Amino acid sequence: MHSTADQWNPHWAVHPGEHLAVCISAHGLSRENFARLAEIPVETIEAIIGGQHPITLDIAVRIEHSLGIMPDLWFILQSKWHRLQKSF
C-alpha cells in the first residue's frame, strides 16, 4: 500500500502551449506550417504557445487531426495549469 508520501505531486505545471510548441517541433513543422495544417490562425497558435490563449475543444480536435495527439491530454494539462495558478 502506498502512502501519500510515496506519490509524486509536483507544485508546478507548464502551460499547455509550451507542450504544443515541443510537439510541433518534434513533428518537424514550423508554427506557420502547423497552423496551416490544423486550420488554426497562426496568431492563435502563437497566443497558445505564449500562454495567452487556452486550448479549446475545437483546437484540441484540430491538433488531434494534424498531430495525432488525443484532445484529453490538453485538457488535463490545462486543468493542472489553472489549478496551480489559482493556488498562488
PDB file of N, CA and C in Angstrom:
ATOM      1  N   MET A   1       0.840  -1.171   0.000  1.00  0.00           N
ATOM      2  CA  MET A   1       0.000   0.000   0.000  1.00  0.00           C
ATOM      3  C   MET A   1       0.890   1.242   0.000  1.00  0.00           C
ATOM      4  N   HIS A   2       0.515   2.226  -0.816  1.00  0.00           N
ATOM      5  CA  HIS A   2       1.298   3.453  -0.927  1.00  0.00           C
ATOM      6  C   HIS A   2       0.697   4.550  -0.067  1.00  0.00           C
ATOM      7  N   SER A   3       1.560   5.268   0.610  1.00  0.00           N
ATOM      8  CA  SER A   3       1.105   6.427   1.369  1.00  0.00           C
ATOM      9  C   SER A   3       1.177   7.656   0.465  1.00  0.00           C
ATOM     10  N   THR A   4       0.603   8.751   0.895  1.00  0.00           N
ATOM     11  CA  THR A   4       0.667   9.972   0.099  1.00  0.00           C
ATOM     12  C   THR A   4       2.101  10.458  -0.053  1.00  0.00           C
ATOM     13  N   ALA A   5       2.968  10.093   0.867  1.00  0.00           N
ATOM     14  CA  ALA A   5       4.378  10.474   0.766  1.00  0.00           C
ATOM     15  C   ALA A   5       5.054   9.773  -0.406  1.00  0.00           C
ATOM     16  N   ASP A   6       4.495   8.635  -0.853  1.00  0.00           N
ATOM     17  CA  ASP A   6       5.067   7.898  -1.969  1.00  0.00           C
ATOM     18  C   ASP A   6       4.641   8.455  -3.327  1.00  0.00           C
ATOM     19  N   GLN A   7       3.650   9.331  -3.340  1.00  0.00           N
ATOM     20  CA  GLN A   7       3.132   9.857  -4.595  1.00  0.00           C
ATOM     21  C   GLN A   7       3.862  11.139  -4.959  1.00  0.00           C
ATOM     22  N   TRP A   8       4.204  11.245  -6.227  1.00  0.00           N
ATOM     23  CA  TRP A   8       4.861  12.455  -6.702  1.00  0.00           C
ATOM     24  C   TRP A   8       3.786  13.416  -7.158  1.00  0.00           C
ATOM     25  N   ASN A   9       3.694  14.530  -6.495  1.00  0.00           N
ATOM     26  CA  ASN A   9       2.668  15.512  -6.812  1.00  0.00           C
ATOM     27  C   ASN A   9       3.337  16.885  -6.855  1.00  0.00           C
ATOM     28  N   PRO A  10       3.908  17.236  -8.005  1.00  0.00           N
ATOM     29  CA  PRO A  10       4.644  18.498  -8.078  1.00  0.00           C
ATOM     30  C   PRO A  10       3.721  19.695  -7.900  1.00  0.00           C
ATOM     31  N   HIS A  11       4.274  20.775  -7.396  1.00  0.00           N
ATOM     32  CA  HIS A  11       3.525  22.008  -7.216  1.00  0.00           C
ATOM     33  C   HIS A  11       3.903  22.996  -8.316  1.00  0.00           C
ATOM     34  N   TRP A  12       4.006  22.510  -9.515  1.00  0.00           N
ATOM     35  CA  TRP A  12       4.301  23.333 -10.671  1.00  0.00           C
ATOM     36  C   TRP A  12       3.626  22.699 -11.884  1.00  0.00           C
ATOM     37  N   ALA A  13       3.398  23.491 -12.867  1.00  0.00           N
ATOM     38  CA  ALA A  13       2.828  22.997 -14.120  1.00  0.00           C
ATOM     39  C   ALA A  13       3.308  23.905 -15.238  1.00  0.00           C
ATOM     40  N   VAL A  14       3.339  23.368 -16.417  1.00  0.00           N
ATOM     41  CA  VAL A  14       3.730  24.119 -17.601  1.00  0.00           C
ATOM     42  C   VAL A  14       2.469  24.357 -18.421  1.00  0.00           C
ATOM     43  N   HIS A  15       2.316  25.563 -18.920  1.00  0.00           N
ATOM     44  CA  HIS A  15       1.152  25.871 -19.751  1.00  0.00           C
ATOM     45  C   HIS A  15       1.128  24.912 -20.943  1.00  0.00           C
ATOM     46  N   PRO A  16      -0.058  24.442 -21.328  1.00  0.00           N
ATOM     47  CA  PRO A  16      -0.152  23.502 -22.453  1.00  0.00           C
ATOM     48  C   PRO A  16       0.503  24.026 -23.733  1.00  0.00           C
ATOM     49  N   GLY A  17       0.555  25.335 -23.867  1.00  0.00           N
ATOM     50  CA  GLY A  17       1.184  25.910 -25.056  1.00  0.00           C
ATOM     51  C   GLY A  17       2.651  25.548 -25.178  1.00  0.00           C
ATOM     52  N   GLU A  18       3.337  25.430 -24.051  1.00  0.00           N
ATOM     53  CA  GLU A  18       4.746  25.031 -24.098  1.00  0.00           C
ATOM     54  C   GLU A  18       4.879  23.604 -24.614  1.00  0.00           C
ATOM     55  N   HIS A  19       3.968  22.751 -24.184  1.00  0.00           N
ATOM     56  CA  HIS A  19       3.964  21.373 -24.689  1.00  0.00           C
ATOM     57  C   HIS A  19       3.639  21.347 -26.180  1.00  0.00           C
ATOM     58  N   LEU A  20       2.692  22.183 -26.591  1.00  0.00           N
ATOM     59  CA  LEU A  20       2.320  22.239 -28.005  1.00  0.00           C
ATOM     60  C   LEU A  20       3.522  22.646 -28.857  1.00  0.00           C
ATOM     61  N   ALA A  21       4.280  23.623 -28.396  1.00  0.00           N
ATOM     62  CA  ALA A  21       5.469  24.061 -29.141  1.00  0.00           C
ATOM     63  C   ALA A  21       6.437  22.904 -29.343  1.00  0.00           C
ATOM     64  N   VAL A  22       6.641  22.110 -28.306  1.00  0.00           N
ATOM     65  CA  VAL A  22       7.544  20.955 -28.397  1.00  0.00           C
ATOM     66  C   VAL A  22       6.984  19.926 -29.383  1.00  0.00           C
ATOM     67  N   CYS A  23       5.686  19.675 -29.315  1.00  0.00           N
ATOM     68  CA  CYS A  23       5.062  18.687 -30.212  1.00  0.00           C
ATOM     69  C   CYS A  23       5.154  19.123 -31.667  1.00  0.00           C
ATOM     70  N   ILE A  24       4.921  20.402 -31.917  1.00  0.00           N
ATOM     71  CA  ILE A  24       5.018  20.926 -33.289  1.00  0.00           C
ATOM     72  C   ILE A  24       6.434  20.723 -33.805  1.00  0.00           C
ATOM     73  N   SER A  25       7.403  21.097 -32.996  1.00  0.00           N
ATOM     74  CA  SER A  25       8.804  20.952 -33.385  1.00  0.00           C
ATOM     75  C   SER A  25       9.180  19.487 -33.590  1.00  0.00           C
ATOM     76  N   ALA A  26       8.698  18.614 -32.703  1.00  0.00           N
ATOM     77  CA  ALA A  26       9.014  17.184 -32.809  1.00  0.00           C
ATOM     78  C   ALA A  26       8.465  16.572 -34.098  1.00  0.00           C
ATOM     79  N   HIS A  27       7.422  17.154 -34.638  1.00  0.00           N
ATOM     80  CA  HIS A  27       6.854  16.676 -35.905  1.00  0.00           C
ATOM     81  C   HIS A  27       7.537  17.333 -37.111  1.00  0.00           C
ATOM     82  N   GLY A  28       8.567  18.119 -36.830  1.00  0.00           N
ATOM     83  CA  GLY A  28       9.331  18.748 -37.912  1.00  0.00           C
ATOM     84  C   GLY A  28       8.588  19.869 -38.614  1.00  0.00           C
ATOM     85  N   LEU A  29       7.662  20.492 -37.909  1.00  0.00           N
ATOM     86  CA  LEU A  29       6.862  21.559 -38.506  1.00  0.00           C
ATOM     87  C   LEU A  29       7.249  22.916 -37.933  1.00  0.00           C
ATOM     88  N   SER A  30       7.095  23.932 -38.739  1.00  0.00           N
ATOM     89  CA  SER A  30       7.178  25.290 -38.208  1.00  0.00           C
ATOM     90  C   SER A  30       5.799  25.619 -37.637  1.00  0.00           C
ATOM     91  N   ARG A  31       5.738  26.655 -36.859  1.00  0.00           N
ATOM     92  CA  ARG A  31       4.445  27.064 -36.306  1.00  0.00           C
ATOM     93  C   ARG A  31       3.479  27.461 -37.419  1.00  0.00           C
ATOM     94  N   GLU A  32       4.012  28.101 -38.440  1.00  0.00           N
ATOM     95  CA  GLU A  32       3.185  28.524 -39.570  1.00  0.00           C
ATOM     96  C   GLU A  32       2.640  27.314 -40.329  1.00  0.00           C
ATOM     97  N   ASN A  33       3.502  26.322 -40.567  1.00  0.00           N
ATOM     98  CA  ASN A  33       3.057  25.116 -41.272  1.00  0.00           C
ATOM     99  C   ASN A  33       2.028  24.341 -40.458  1.00  0.00           C
ATOM    100  N   PHE A  34       2.260  24.260 -39.136  1.00  0.00           N
ATOM    101  CA  PHE A  34       1.287  23.591 -38.287  1.00  0.00           C
ATOM    102  C   PHE A  34      -0.046  24.327 -38.312  1.00  0.00           C
ATOM    103  N   ALA A  35      -0.016  25.644 -38.216  1.00  0.00           N
ATOM    104  CA  ALA A  35      -1.245  26.442 -38.230  1.00  0.00           C
ATOM    105  C   ALA A  35      -2.028  26.187 -39.512  1.00  0.00           C
ATOM    106  N   ARG A  36      -1.337  26.138 -40.617  1.00  0.00           N
ATOM    107  CA  ARG A  36      -1.980  25.871 -41.915  1.00  0.00           C
ATOM    108  C   ARG A  36      -2.566  24.467 -41.933  1.00  0.00           C
ATOM    109  N   LEU A  37      -1.791  23.482 -41.479  1.00  0.00           N
ATOM    110  CA  LEU A  37      -2.228  22.085 -41.452  1.00  0.00           C
ATOM    111  C   LEU A  37      -3.453  21.903 -40.552  1.00  0.00           C
ATOM    112  N   ALA A  38      -3.455  22.558 -39.391  1.00  0.00           N
ATOM    113  CA  ALA A  38      -4.539  22.411 -38.420  1.00  0.00           C
ATOM    114  C   ALA A  38      -5.701  23.370 -38.700  1.00  0.00           C
ATOM    115  N   GLU A  39      -5.499  24.262 -39.651  1.00  0.00           N
ATOM    116  CA  GLU A  39      -6.517  25.273 -39.989  1.00  0.00           C
ATOM    117  C   GLU A  39      -6.870  26.125 -38.771  1.00  0.00           C
ATOM    118  N   ILE A  40      -5.813  26.596 -38.118  1.00  0.00           N
ATOM    119  CA  ILE A  40      -5.918  27.488 -36.969  1.00  0.00           C
ATOM    120  C   ILE A  40      -5.079  28.719 -37.311  1.00  0.00           C
ATOM    121  N   PRO A  41      -5.600  29.922 -37.085  1.00  0.00           N
ATOM    122  CA  PRO A  41      -4.785  31.109 -37.381  1.00  0.00           C
ATOM    123  C   PRO A  41      -3.445  31.066 -36.640  1.00  0.00           C
ATOM    124  N   VAL A  42      -2.391  31.446 -37.317  1.00  0.00           N
ATOM    125  CA  VAL A  42      -1.063  31.417 -36.711  1.00  0.00           C
ATOM    126  C   VAL A  42      -1.016  32.315 -35.477  1.00  0.00           C
ATOM    127  N   GLU A  43      -1.799  33.384 -35.468  1.00  0.00           N
ATOM    128  CA  GLU A  43      -1.840  34.263 -34.299  1.00  0.00           C
ATOM    129  C   GLU A  43      -2.389  33.515 -33.078  1.00  0.00           C
ATOM    130  N   THR A  44      -3.339  32.622 -33.310  1.00  0.00           N
ATOM    131  CA  THR A  44      -3.893  31.818 -32.217  1.00  0.00           C
ATOM    132  C   THR A  44      -2.851  30.835 -31.701  1.00  0.00           C
ATOM    133  N   ILE A  45      -2.125  30.211 -32.616  1.00  0.00           N
ATOM    134  CA  ILE A  45      -1.063  29.275 -32.225  1.00  0.00           C
ATOM    135  C   ILE A  45      -0.020  30.014 -31.391  1.00  0.00           C
ATOM    136  N   GLU A  46       0.381  31.188 -31.848  1.00  0.00           N
ATOM    137  CA  GLU A  46       1.374  31.977 -31.109  1.00  0.00           C
ATOM    138  C   GLU A  46       0.837  32.361 -29.729  1.00  0.00           C
ATOM    139  N   ALA A  47      -0.450  32.701 -29.640  1.00  0.00           N
ATOM    140  CA  ALA A  47      -1.045  33.070 -28.348  1.00  0.00           C
ATOM    141  C   ALA A  47      -1.117  31.866 -27.408  1.00  0.00           C
ATOM    142  N   ILE A  48      -1.411  30.691 -27.949  1.00  0.00           N
ATOM    143  CA  ILE A  48      -1.434  29.470 -27.124  1.00  0.00           C
ATOM    144  C   ILE A  48      -0.029  29.181 -26.603  1.00  0.00           C
ATOM    145  N   ILE A  49       0.934  29.192 -27.494  1.00  0.00           N
ATOM    146  CA  ILE A  49       2.312  28.905 -27.110  1.00  0.00           C
ATOM    147  C   ILE A  49       2.816  29.936 -26.089  1.00  0.00           C
ATOM    148  N   GLY A  50       2.368  31.167 -26.220  1.00  0.00           N
ATOM    149  CA  GLY A  50       2.761  32.221 -25.291  1.00  0.00           C
ATOM    150  C   GLY A  50       1.978  32.217 -23.989  1.00  0.00           C
ATOM    151  N   GLY A  51       1.058  31.256 -23.831  1.00  0.00           N
ATOM    152  CA  GLY A  51       0.291  31.152 -22.594  1.00  0.00           C
ATOM    153  C   GLY A  51      -0.837  32.164 -22.482  1.00  0.00           C
ATOM    154  N   GLN A  52      -1.206  32.780 -23.603  1.00  0.00           N
ATOM    155  CA  GLN A  52      -2.230  33.823 -23.591  1.00  0.00           C
ATOM    156  C   GLN A  52      -3.594  33.339 -24.077  1.00  0.00           C
ATOM    157  N   HIS A  53      -3.673  32.108 -24.547  1.00  0.00           N
ATOM    158  CA  HIS A  53      -4.920  31.585 -25.119  1.00  0.00           C
ATOM    159  C   HIS A  53      -5.070  30.130 -24.699  1.00  0.00           C
ATOM    160  N   PRO A  54      -6.270  29.736 -24.290  1.00  0.00           N
ATOM    161  CA  PRO A  54      -6.468  28.331 -23.912  1.00  0.00           C
ATOM    162  C   PRO A  54      -6.595  27.435 -25.137  1.00  0.00           C
ATOM    163  N   ILE A  55      -6.431  26.162 -24.921  1.00  0.00           N
ATOM    164  CA  ILE A  55      -6.701  25.183 -25.970  1.00  0.00           C
ATOM    165  C   ILE A  55      -8.154  24.762 -25.806  1.00  0.00           C
ATOM    166  N   THR A  56      -8.982  25.228 -26.717  1.00  0.00           N
ATOM    167  CA  THR A  56     -10.408  24.924 -26.682  1.00  0.00           C
ATOM    168  C   THR A  56     -10.656  23.527 -27.250  1.00  0.00           C
ATOM    169  N   LEU A  57     -11.884  23.063 -27.125  1.00  0.00           N
ATOM    170  CA  LEU A  57     -12.236  21.750 -27.679  1.00  0.00           C
ATOM    171  C   LEU A  57     -11.984  21.724 -29.180  1.00  0.00           C
ATOM    172  N   ASP A  58     -12.396  22.758 -29.886  1.00  0.00           N
ATOM    173  CA  ASP A  58     -12.189  22.816 -31.333  1.00  0.00           C
ATOM    174  C   ASP A  58     -10.707  22.744 -31.680  1.00  0.00           C
ATOM    175  N   ILE A  59      -9.900  23.491 -30.971  1.00  0.00           N
ATOM    176  CA  ILE A  59      -8.457  23.483 -31.221  1.00  0.00           C
ATOM    177  C   ILE A  59      -7.867  22.118 -30.880  1.00  0.00           C
ATOM    178  N   ALA A  60      -8.295  21.526 -29.770  1.00  0.00           N
ATOM    179  CA  ALA A  60      -7.787  20.203 -29.378  1.00  0.00           C
ATOM    180  C   ALA A  60      -8.105  19.159 -30.447  1.00  0.00           C
ATOM    181  N   VAL A  61      -9.282  19.234 -31.031  1.00  0.00           N
ATOM    182  CA  VAL A  61      -9.656  18.289 -32.095  1.00  0.00           C
ATOM    183  C   VAL A  61      -8.806  18.540 -33.333  1.00  0.00           C
ATOM    184  N   ARG A  62      -8.543  19.779 -33.651  1.00  0.00           N
ATOM    185  CA  ARG A  62      -7.690  20.101 -34.807  1.00  0.00           C
ATOM    186  C   ARG A  62      -6.254  19.617 -34.579  1.00  0.00           C
ATOM    187  N   ILE A  63      -5.782  19.729 -33.334  1.00  0.00           N
ATOM    188  CA  ILE A  63      -4.450  19.210 -33.009  1.00  0.00           C
ATOM    189  C   ILE A  63      -4.439  17.697 -33.203  1.00  0.00           C
ATOM    190  N   GLU A  64      -5.487  17.032 -32.748  1.00  0.00           N
ATOM    191  CA  GLU A  64      -5.563  15.575 -32.918  1.00  0.00           C
ATOM    192  C   GLU A  64      -5.507  15.197 -34.391  1.00  0.00           C
ATOM    193  N   HIS A  65      -6.250  15.887 -35.226  1.00  0.00           N
ATOM    194  CA  HIS A  65      -6.279  15.559 -36.653  1.00  0.00           C
ATOM    195  C   HIS A  65      -4.951  15.834 -37.345  1.00  0.00           C
ATOM    196  N   SER A  66      -4.224  16.824 -36.857  1.00  0.00           N
ATOM    197  CA  SER A  66      -2.968  17.165 -37.532  1.00  0.00           C
ATOM    198  C   SER A  66      -1.736  16.513 -36.916  1.00  0.00           C
ATOM    199  N   LEU A  67      -1.742  16.269 -35.594  1.00  0.00           N
ATOM    200  CA  LEU A  67      -0.566  15.682 -34.936  1.00  0.00           C
ATOM    201  C   LEU A  67      -0.830  14.308 -34.327  1.00  0.00           C
ATOM    202  N   GLY A  68      -2.107  13.917 -34.235  1.00  0.00           N
ATOM    203  CA  GLY A  68      -2.440  12.609 -33.678  1.00  0.00           C
ATOM    204  C   GLY A  68      -2.399  12.557 -32.154  1.00  0.00           C
ATOM    205  N   ILE A  69      -2.483  13.707 -31.508  1.00  0.00           N
ATOM    206  CA  ILE A  69      -2.439  13.756 -30.035  1.00  0.00           C
ATOM    207  C   ILE A  69      -3.864  13.877 -29.511  1.00  0.00           C
ATOM    208  N   MET A  70      -4.226  12.967 -28.619  1.00  0.00           N
ATOM    209  CA  MET A  70      -5.588  12.926 -28.076  1.00  0.00           C
ATOM    210  C   MET A  70      -5.965  14.249 -27.411  1.00  0.00           C
ATOM    211  N   PRO A  71      -7.177  14.748 -27.645  1.00  0.00           N
ATOM    212  CA  PRO A  71      -7.615  16.019 -27.031  1.00  0.00           C
ATOM    213  C   PRO A  71      -7.573  16.007 -25.512  1.00  0.00           C
ATOM    214  N   ASP A  72      -7.803  14.860 -24.892  1.00  0.00           N
ATOM    215  CA  ASP A  72      -7.820  14.774 -23.426  1.00  0.00           C
ATOM    216  C   ASP A  72      -6.526  15.298 -22.804  1.00  0.00           C
ATOM    217  N   LEU A  73      -5.409  15.048 -23.456  1.00  0.00           N
ATOM    218  CA  LEU A  73      -4.119  15.490 -22.920  1.00  0.00           C
ATOM    219  C   LEU A  73      -4.118  16.989 -22.662  1.00  0.00           C
ATOM    220  N   TRP A  74      -4.638  17.755 -23.613  1.00  0.00           N
ATOM    221  CA  TRP A  74      -4.612  19.205 -23.498  1.00  0.00           C
ATOM    222  C   TRP A  74      -5.477  19.692 -22.341  1.00  0.00           C
ATOM    223  N   PHE A  75      -6.606  19.022 -22.124  1.00  0.00           N
ATOM    224  CA  PHE A  75      -7.487  19.429 -21.030  1.00  0.00           C
ATOM    225  C   PHE A  75      -6.898  19.070 -19.674  1.00  0.00           C
ATOM    226  N   ILE A  76      -6.193  17.971 -19.599  1.00  0.00           N
ATOM    227  CA  ILE A  76      -5.514  17.597 -18.354  1.00  0.00           C
ATOM    228  C   ILE A  76      -4.415  18.616 -18.045  1.00  0.00           C
ATOM    229  N   LEU A  77      -3.606  18.935 -19.038  1.00  0.00           N
ATOM    230  CA  LEU A  77      -2.530  19.911 -18.841  1.00  0.00           C
ATOM    231  C   LEU A  77      -3.085  21.275 -18.462  1.00  0.00           C
ATOM    232  N   GLN A  78      -4.144  21.684 -19.160  1.00  0.00           N
ATOM    233  CA  GLN A  78      -4.728  22.992 -18.906  1.00  0.00           C
ATOM    234  C   GLN A  78      -5.355  23.047 -17.514  1.00  0.00           C
ATOM    235  N   SER A  79      -6.007  21.961 -17.108  1.00  0.00           N
ATOM    236  CA  SER A  79      -6.618  21.898 -15.784  1.00  0.00           C
ATOM    237  C   SER A  79      -5.558  22.028 -14.691  1.00  0.00           C
ATOM    238  N   LYS A  80      -4.453  21.317 -14.850  1.00  0.00           N
ATOM    239  CA  LYS A  80      -3.364  21.401 -13.868  1.00  0.00           C
ATOM    240  C   LYS A  80      -2.789  22.812 -13.824  1.00  0.00           C
ATOM    241  N   TRP A  81      -2.633  23.417 -14.976  1.00  0.00           N
ATOM    242  CA  TRP A  81      -2.091  24.768 -15.065  1.00  0.00           C
ATOM    243  C   TRP A  81      -2.998  25.754 -14.315  1.00  0.00           C
ATOM    244  N   HIS A  82      -4.285  25.689 -14.602  1.00  0.00           N
ATOM    245  CA  HIS A  82      -5.229  26.613 -13.963  1.00  0.00           C
ATOM    246  C   HIS A  82      -5.317  26.380 -12.463  1.00  0.00           C
ATOM    247  N   ARG A  83      -5.336  25.127 -12.062  1.00  0.00           N
ATOM    248  CA  ARG A  83      -5.430  24.798 -10.638  1.00  0.00           C
ATOM    249  C   ARG A  83      -4.238  25.376  -9.877  1.00  0.00           C
ATOM    250  N   LEU A  84      -3.055  25.227 -10.426  1.00  0.00           N
ATOM    251  CA  LEU A  84      -1.867  25.742  -9.726  1.00  0.00           C
ATOM    252  C   LEU A  84      -1.773  27.254  -9.788  1.00  0.00           C
ATOM    253  N   GLN A  85      -2.281  27.860 -10.854  1.00  0.00           N
ATOM    254  CA  GLN A  85      -2.268  29.333 -10.940  1.00  0.00           C
ATOM    255  C   GLN A  85      -3.178  29.940  -9.888  1.00  0.00           C
ATOM    256  N   LYS A  86      -4.280  29.275  -9.606  1.00  0.00           N
ATOM    257  CA  LYS A  86      -5.213  29.779  -8.581  1.00  0.00           C
ATOM    258  C   LYS A  86      -4.638  29.644  -7.176  1.00  0.00           C
ATOM    259  N   SER A  87      -3.734  28.696  -6.974  1.00  0.00           N
ATOM    260  CA  SER A  87      -3.203  28.467  -5.631  1.00  0.00           C
ATOM    261  C   SER A  87      -2.089  29.447  -5.263  1.00  0.00           C
ATOM    262  N   PHE A  88      -1.620  30.233  -6.225  1.00  0.00           N
ATOM    263  CA  PHE A  88      -0.537  31.189  -5.937  1.00  0.00           C
ATOM    264  C   PHE A  88      -1.059  32.577  -5.824  1.00  0.00           C
TER     265      PHE A  88
END
